[in-house]
Amino acid sequence: MKRAVVWFVIVLVLCFPLPALASVGVGVGTGKIEVNEELRSGGIYKLPAVVVFNTGTEAATFSMSVTLNETQPQLKPDPKWFSFSPSKFTLEPGGSQSVTPTVTLPLVTKPGDYFGYLEARPDKTVQKGTAAIGVAAAAKLSFKVVASNVFVALMFRLLSLYNQLKPWSTLAVIAGATFFLLMFINKFINLRTALKAAWKAGRVRK
């Protein structure tokens, strides 16, 4: 009887295999990003891309953010300075996505060495007993901000926006310059016409 029960269980397992447990995982292909360029207040800088991998066994949606170490000796960047393209994306198991981080420094930024983590995290959490644990992977980021006054910072902001919006910014500058040139030419022609009219009126009176 016992042998018959064992064989029955084996047949059930072979005919109806148990579903494999799905896992959630994430990895990053860049361990450390060190910005060699000295950054200035007001500047908008594109950082090296971070490649995110889905190391789990199921599709997942991932989000990017900046996290900090409360005990770090370096200055802490404000997470609001950063944006990511794309900021959220879905990956199949084994898939990858290149993410471009951008840091926009305020017009008044404390100079010094900054450090933080560019973190990738799946929206889904991992259940450990009764607790839900978030899975994440991060690349270390370090950069230096040099001292500059508000006027220089404003200049860098305008220059960064100009470079970021190319070629539309170039077309806008050309259009603006053309508009002012036409206005100048029109005023010059009107002034010349008025002077000629005044000169002729003066000759007629004589």
C-alpha atoms as a PDB file:
ATOM      1  CA  MET A   1       0.000   0.000   0.000  1.00  0.00           C
ATOM      2  CA  LYS A   2       2.785   2.411   0.932  1.00  0.00           C
ATOM      3  CA  ARG A   3       4.591   1.621  -2.324  1.00  0.00           C
ATOM      4  CA  ALA A   4       1.418   2.406  -4.307  1.00  0.00           C
ATOM      5  CA  VAL A   5       1.100   5.782  -2.567  1.00  0.00           C
ATOM      6  CA  VAL A   6       4.748   6.628  -3.357  1.00  0.00           C
ATOM      7  CA  TRP A   7       4.287   5.752  -7.018  1.00  0.00           C
ATOM      8  CA  PHE A   8       1.086   7.835  -7.103  1.00  0.00           C
ATOM      9  CA  VAL A   9       2.942  10.884  -5.735  1.00  0.00           C
ATOM     10  CA  ILE A  10       5.756  10.407  -8.295  1.00  0.00           C
ATOM     11  CA  VAL A  11       3.270  10.266 -11.154  1.00  0.00           C
ATOM     12  CA  LEU A  12       1.584  13.468  -9.916  1.00  0.00           C
ATOM     13  CA  VAL A  13       4.924  15.297  -9.760  1.00  0.00           C
ATOM     14  CA  LEU A  14       5.914  14.151 -13.247  1.00  0.00           C
ATOM     15  CA  CYS A  15       2.565  15.048 -14.774  1.00  0.00           C
ATOM     16  CA  PHE A  16       2.029  18.292 -12.872  1.00  0.00           C
ATOM     17  CA  PRO A  17       5.473  19.764 -12.056  1.00  0.00           C
ATOM     18  CA  LEU A  18       5.582  22.475  -9.419  1.00  0.00           C
ATOM     19  CA  PRO A  19       6.040  25.985 -10.845  1.00  0.00           C
ATOM     20  CA  ALA A  20       9.527  27.360 -10.414  1.00  0.00           C
ATOM     21  CA  LEU A  21       9.781  30.150  -7.837  1.00  0.00           C
ATOM     22  CA  ALA A  22      10.258  33.507  -9.554  1.00  0.00           C
ATOM     23  CA  SER A  23      13.004  35.755  -8.263  1.00  0.00           C
ATOM     24  CA  VAL A  24      13.576  39.488  -8.459  1.00  0.00           C
ATOM     25  CA  GLY A  25      17.109  40.764  -9.041  1.00  0.00           C
ATOM     26  CA  VAL A  26      19.002  43.787 -10.296  1.00  0.00           C
ATOM     27  CA  GLY A  27      22.609  44.569 -11.176  1.00  0.00           C
ATOM     28  CA  VAL A  28      24.563  47.497 -12.583  1.00  0.00           C
ATOM     29  CA  GLY A  29      27.410  47.253 -15.064  1.00  0.00           C
ATOM     30  CA  THR A  30      29.220  50.316 -13.693  1.00  0.00           C
ATOM     31  CA  GLY A  31      30.718  50.090 -10.237  1.00  0.00           C
ATOM     32  CA  LYS A  32      32.096  53.605  -9.956  1.00  0.00           C
ATOM     33  CA  ILE A  33      31.698  56.922 -11.802  1.00  0.00           C
ATOM     34  CA  GLU A  34      34.379  59.523 -11.131  1.00  0.00           C
ATOM     35  CA  VAL A  35      33.793  62.863 -12.866  1.00  0.00           C
ATOM     36  CA  ASN A  36      37.229  64.252 -13.695  1.00  0.00           C
ATOM     37  CA  GLU A  37      35.846  67.572 -14.937  1.00  0.00           C
ATOM     38  CA  GLU A  38      35.462  70.260 -12.283  1.00  0.00           C
ATOM     39  CA  LEU A  39      31.789  71.228 -12.116  1.00  0.00           C
ATOM     40  CA  ARG A  40      30.524  74.762 -11.549  1.00  0.00           C
ATOM     41  CA  SER A  41      27.393  76.157  -9.927  1.00  0.00           C
ATOM     42  CA  GLY A  42      24.566  76.648 -12.400  1.00  0.00           C
ATOM     43  CA  GLY A  43      25.912  74.036 -14.823  1.00  0.00           C
ATOM     44  CA  ILE A  44      23.926  71.172 -16.317  1.00  0.00           C
ATOM     45  CA  TYR A  45      26.082  68.095 -16.834  1.00  0.00           C
ATOM     46  CA  LYS A  46      25.366  64.735 -18.450  1.00  0.00           C
ATOM     47  CA  LEU A  47      27.139  61.959 -16.548  1.00  0.00           C
ATOM     48  CA  PRO A  48      28.431  58.646 -17.932  1.00  0.00           C
ATOM     49  CA  ALA A  49      25.680  56.120 -18.549  1.00  0.00           C
ATOM     50  CA  VAL A  50      24.801  53.381 -16.068  1.00  0.00           C
ATOM     51  CA  VAL A  51      23.804  49.987 -17.483  1.00  0.00           C
ATOM     52  CA  VAL A  52      21.097  48.220 -15.457  1.00  0.00           C
ATOM     53  CA  PHE A  53      20.540  44.451 -15.709  1.00  0.00           C
ATOM     54  CA  ASN A  54      17.569  42.325 -14.725  1.00  0.00           C
ATOM     55  CA  THR A  55      19.276  39.440 -12.914  1.00  0.00           C
ATOM     56  CA  GLY A  56      15.997  37.908 -11.801  1.00  0.00           C
ATOM     57  CA  THR A  57      13.829  35.233 -13.414  1.00  0.00           C
ATOM     58  CA  GLU A  58      10.797  37.393 -14.135  1.00  0.00           C
ATOM     59  CA  ALA A  59      10.098  40.669 -15.915  1.00  0.00           C
ATOM     60  CA  ALA A  60      10.278  43.710 -13.668  1.00  0.00           C
ATOM     61  CA  THR A  61       9.954  47.496 -13.776  1.00  0.00           C
ATOM     62  CA  PHE A  62      12.943  49.425 -12.476  1.00  0.00           C
ATOM     63  CA  SER A  63      13.366  52.980 -11.189  1.00  0.00           C
ATOM     64  CA  MET A  64      16.463  55.162 -10.752  1.00  0.00           C
ATOM     65  CA  SER A  65      17.260  57.390  -7.797  1.00  0.00           C
ATOM     66  CA  VAL A  66      20.138  58.890  -5.797  1.00  0.00           C
ATOM     67  CA  THR A  67      20.874  57.610  -2.305  1.00  0.00           C
ATOM     68  CA  LEU A  68      23.373  58.837   0.284  1.00  0.00           C
ATOM     69  CA  ASN A  69      25.473  57.488   3.121  1.00  0.00           C
ATOM     70  CA  GLU A  70      24.695  59.491   6.242  1.00  0.00           C
ATOM     71  CA  THR A  71      28.187  58.899   7.684  1.00  0.00           C
ATOM     72  CA  GLN A  72      30.188  59.781   4.560  1.00  0.00           C
ATOM     73  CA  PRO A  73      32.887  62.461   4.951  1.00  0.00           C
ATOM     74  CA  GLN A  74      32.202  63.979   1.514  1.00  0.00           C
ATOM     75  CA  LEU A  75      29.475  66.519   0.823  1.00  0.00           C
ATOM     76  CA  LYS A  76      26.024  65.097   0.079  1.00  0.00           C
ATOM     77  CA  PRO A  77      24.394  66.104  -3.227  1.00  0.00           C
ATOM     78  CA  ASP A  78      20.684  66.829  -3.147  1.00  0.00           C
ATOM     79  CA  PRO A  79      18.856  63.965  -4.933  1.00  0.00           C
ATOM     80  CA  LYS A  80      16.635  66.635  -6.523  1.00  0.00           C
ATOM     81  CA  TRP A  81      19.655  67.782  -8.565  1.00  0.00           C
ATOM     82  CA  PHE A  82      19.524  64.554 -10.584  1.00  0.00           C
ATOM     83  CA  SER A  83      17.356  63.330 -13.422  1.00  0.00           C
ATOM     84  CA  PHE A  84      17.551  60.074 -15.392  1.00  0.00           C
ATOM     85  CA  SER A  85      16.737  59.158 -18.976  1.00  0.00           C
ATOM     86  CA  PRO A  86      14.821  56.922 -18.823  1.00  0.00           C
ATOM     87  CA  SER A  87      13.789  57.245 -15.163  1.00  0.00           C
ATOM     88  CA  LYS A  88      11.602  54.100 -15.243  1.00  0.00           C
ATOM     89  CA  PHE A  89      11.740  51.077 -17.546  1.00  0.00           C
ATOM     90  CA  THR A  90      10.744  47.417 -17.777  1.00  0.00           C
ATOM     91  CA  LEU A  91      13.216  44.597 -18.440  1.00  0.00           C
ATOM     92  CA  GLU A  92      12.744  40.953 -19.249  1.00  0.00           C
ATOM     93  CA  PRO A  93      14.943  38.435 -17.413  1.00  0.00           C
ATOM     94  CA  GLY A  94      18.537  38.932 -18.582  1.00  0.00           C
ATOM     95  CA  GLY A  95      17.665  42.231 -20.266  1.00  0.00           C
ATOM     96  CA  SER A  96      19.599  45.461 -19.858  1.00  0.00           C
ATOM     97  CA  GLN A  97      18.990  49.194 -20.156  1.00  0.00           C
ATOM     98  CA  SER A  98      21.467  52.065 -20.504  1.00  0.00           C
ATOM     99  CA  VAL A  99      20.447  55.003 -18.305  1.00  0.00           C
ATOM    100  CA  THR A 100      21.910  58.521 -18.662  1.00  0.00           C
ATOM    101  CA  PRO A 101      22.045  60.561 -15.439  1.00  0.00           C
ATOM    102  CA  THR A 102      22.056  64.377 -15.556  1.00  0.00           C
ATOM    103  CA  VAL A 103      23.007  66.666 -12.666  1.00  0.00           C
ATOM    104  CA  THR A 104      21.744  70.255 -12.571  1.00  0.00           C
ATOM    105  CA  LEU A 105      23.659  72.294 -10.020  1.00  0.00           C
ATOM    106  CA  PRO A 106      21.911  75.243  -8.332  1.00  0.00           C
ATOM    107  CA  LEU A 107      23.195  78.770  -8.946  1.00  0.00           C
ATOM    108  CA  VAL A 108      24.569  78.692  -5.403  1.00  0.00           C
ATOM    109  CA  THR A 109      26.294  75.361  -4.691  1.00  0.00           C
ATOM    110  CA  LYS A 110      28.750  74.758  -1.870  1.00  0.00           C
ATOM    111  CA  PRO A 111      32.183  73.982  -3.383  1.00  0.00           C
ATOM    112  CA  GLY A 112      33.884  70.731  -2.451  1.00  0.00           C
ATOM    113  CA  ASP A 113      33.939  66.977  -3.075  1.00  0.00           C
ATOM    114  CA  TYR A 114      30.565  65.257  -3.396  1.00  0.00           C
ATOM    115  CA  PHE A 115      29.652  61.580  -3.153  1.00  0.00           C
ATOM    116  CA  GLY A 116      26.491  59.558  -3.654  1.00  0.00           C
ATOM    117  CA  TYR A 117      25.012  56.396  -5.142  1.00  0.00           C
ATOM    118  CA  LEU A 118      23.136  56.094  -8.438  1.00  0.00           C
ATOM    119  CA  GLU A 119      20.721  53.369  -7.467  1.00  0.00           C
ATOM    120  CA  ALA A 120      18.592  51.048  -9.594  1.00  0.00           C
ATOM    121  CA  ARG A 121      15.698  49.360  -7.830  1.00  0.00           C
ATOM    122  CA  PRO A 122      12.870  47.093  -9.020  1.00  0.00           C
ATOM    123  CA  ASP A 123       9.397  48.248  -8.064  1.00  0.00           C
ATOM    124  CA  LYS A 124       8.587  44.783  -6.761  1.00  0.00           C
ATOM    125  CA  THR A 125       9.902  43.802  -3.321  1.00  0.00           C
ATOM    126  CA  VAL A 126      11.143  40.420  -2.108  1.00  0.00           C
ATOM    127  CA  GLN A 127       9.141  38.744   0.632  1.00  0.00           C
ATOM    128  CA  LYS A 128      11.262  37.426   3.513  1.00  0.00           C
ATOM    129  CA  GLY A 129       8.912  35.825   5.990  1.00  0.00           C
ATOM    130  CA  THR A 130       6.544  38.563   7.095  1.00  0.00           C
ATOM    131  CA  ALA A 131       8.779  41.426   5.906  1.00  0.00           C
ATOM    132  CA  ALA A 132       9.033  42.905   2.405  1.00  0.00           C
ATOM    133  CA  ILE A 133      12.647  43.688   1.484  1.00  0.00           C
ATOM    134  CA  GLY A 134      13.667  45.967  -1.366  1.00  0.00           C
ATOM    135  CA  VAL A 135      16.366  44.811  -3.764  1.00  0.00           C
ATOM    136  CA  ALA A 136      18.763  47.396  -5.214  1.00  0.00           C
ATOM    137  CA  ALA A 137      22.129  47.828  -6.912  1.00  0.00           C
ATOM    138  CA  ALA A 138      24.082  51.065  -7.174  1.00  0.00           C
ATOM    139  CA  ALA A 139      27.061  52.731  -8.820  1.00  0.00           C
ATOM    140  CA  LYS A 140      29.252  55.027  -6.730  1.00  0.00           C
ATOM    141  CA  LEU A 141      29.371  58.628  -7.945  1.00  0.00           C
ATOM    142  CA  SER A 142      31.955  61.248  -7.019  1.00  0.00           C
ATOM    143  CA  PHE A 143      32.448  64.756  -8.416  1.00  0.00           C
ATOM    144  CA  LYS A 144      33.952  68.088  -7.418  1.00  0.00           C
ATOM    145  CA  VAL A 145      32.304  71.507  -7.488  1.00  0.00           C
ATOM    146  CA  VAL A 146      34.596  74.539  -7.677  1.00  0.00           C
ATOM    147  CA  ALA A 147      33.807  77.956  -6.229  1.00  0.00           C
ATOM    148  CA  SER A 148      32.106  80.540  -8.461  1.00  0.00           C
ATOM    149  CA  ASN A 149      29.964  83.635  -7.936  1.00  0.00           C
ATOM    150  CA  VAL A 150      26.301  83.955  -8.886  1.00  0.00           C
ATOM    151  CA  PHE A 151      27.002  85.829 -12.137  1.00  0.00           C
ATOM    152  CA  VAL A 152      29.406  83.125 -13.340  1.00  0.00           C
ATOM    153  CA  ALA A 153      26.883  80.469 -12.263  1.00  0.00           C
ATOM    154  CA  LEU A 154      24.150  82.207 -14.256  1.00  0.00           C
ATOM    155  CA  MET A 155      26.438  82.309 -17.290  1.00  0.00           C
ATOM    156  CA  PHE A 156      27.099  78.573 -16.959  1.00  0.00           C
ATOM    157  CA  ARG A 157      23.367  77.883 -16.637  1.00  0.00           C
ATOM    158  CA  LEU A 158      22.602  79.791 -19.842  1.00  0.00           C
ATOM    159  CA  LEU A 159      25.518  78.138 -21.645  1.00  0.00           C
ATOM    160  CA  SER A 160      24.423  74.688 -20.455  1.00  0.00           C
ATOM    161  CA  LEU A 161      20.849  75.304 -21.611  1.00  0.00           C
ATOM    162  CA  TYR A 162      22.137  76.548 -24.964  1.00  0.00           C
ATOM    163  CA  ASN A 163      24.231  73.389 -25.480  1.00  0.00           C
ATOM    164  CA  GLN A 164      21.436  71.148 -24.236  1.00  0.00           C
ATOM    165  CA  LEU A 165      18.847  72.604 -26.614  1.00  0.00           C
ATOM    166  CA  LYS A 166      20.980  72.516 -29.766  1.00  0.00           C
ATOM    167  CA  PRO A 167      20.216  72.856 -32.659  1.00  0.00           C
ATOM    168  CA  TRP A 168      17.015  74.707 -31.671  1.00  0.00           C
ATOM    169  CA  SER A 169      18.913  77.159 -29.480  1.00  0.00           C
ATOM    170  CA  THR A 170      21.205  78.022 -32.410  1.00  0.00           C
ATOM    171  CA  LEU A 171      18.206  78.589 -34.681  1.00  0.00           C
ATOM    172  CA  ALA A 172      16.615  80.796 -32.007  1.00  0.00           C
ATOM    173  CA  VAL A 173      19.776  82.907 -31.735  1.00  0.00           C
ATOM    174  CA  ILE A 174      19.959  83.269 -35.517  1.00  0.00           C
ATOM    175  CA  ALA A 175      16.263  84.190 -35.692  1.00  0.00           C
ATOM    176  CA  GLY A 176      16.672  86.749 -32.902  1.00  0.00           C
ATOM    177  CA  ALA A 177      19.763  88.286 -34.494  1.00  0.00           C
ATOM    178  CA  THR A 178      17.975  88.463 -37.871  1.00  0.00           C
ATOM    179  CA  PHE A 179      14.951  90.133 -36.258  1.00  0.00           C
ATOM    180  CA  PHE A 180      17.048  92.850 -34.570  1.00  0.00           C
ATOM    181  CA  LEU A 181      19.077  93.360 -37.751  1.00  0.00           C
ATOM    182  CA  LEU A 182      15.894  93.882 -39.791  1.00  0.00           C
ATOM    183  CA  MET A 183      14.594  96.294 -37.149  1.00  0.00           C
ATOM    184  CA  PHE A 184      17.862  98.258 -37.305  1.00  0.00           C
ATOM    185  CA  ILE A 185      17.768  98.357 -41.111  1.00  0.00           C
ATOM    186  CA  ASN A 186      14.111  99.456 -41.055  1.00  0.00           C
ATOM    187  CA  LYS A 187      14.857 102.265 -38.574  1.00  0.00           C
ATOM    188  CA  PHE A 188      17.876 103.333 -40.596  1.00  0.00           C
ATOM    189  CA  ILE A 189      15.783 103.496 -43.793  1.00  0.00           C
ATOM    190  CA  ASN A 190      13.018 105.434 -42.019  1.00  0.00           C
ATOM    191  CA  LEU A 191      15.552 107.869 -40.565  1.00  0.00           C
ATOM    192  CA  ARG A 192      17.188 108.353 -43.940  1.00  0.00           C
ATOM    193  CA  THR A 193      13.799 108.952 -45.567  1.00  0.00           C
ATOM    194  CA  ALA A 194      12.879 111.473 -42.877  1.00  0.00           C
ATOM    195  CA  LEU A 195      16.177 113.328 -43.280  1.00  0.00           C
ATOM    196  CA  LYS A 196      15.704 113.494 -47.060  1.00  0.00           C
ATOM    197  CA  ALA A 197      12.177 114.810 -46.618  1.00  0.00           C
ATOM    198  CA  ALA A 198      13.390 117.422 -44.154  1.00  0.00           C
ATOM    199  CA  TRP A 199      16.219 118.455 -46.478  1.00  0.00           C
ATOM    200  CA  LYS A 200      13.843 118.821 -49.423  1.00  0.00           C
ATOM    201  CA  ALA A 201      11.383 120.828 -47.315  1.00  0.00           C
ATOM    202  CA  GLY A 202      14.216 123.143 -46.323  1.00  0.00           C
ATOM    203  CA  ARG A 203      15.216 123.754 -49.961  1.00  0.00           C
ATOM    204  CA  VAL A 204      11.633 124.473 -50.956  1.00  0.00           C
ATOM    205  CA  ARG A 205      11.327 127.178 -48.245  1.00  0.00           C
ATOM    206  CA  LYS A 206      14.499 128.824 -49.482  1.00  0.00           C
END
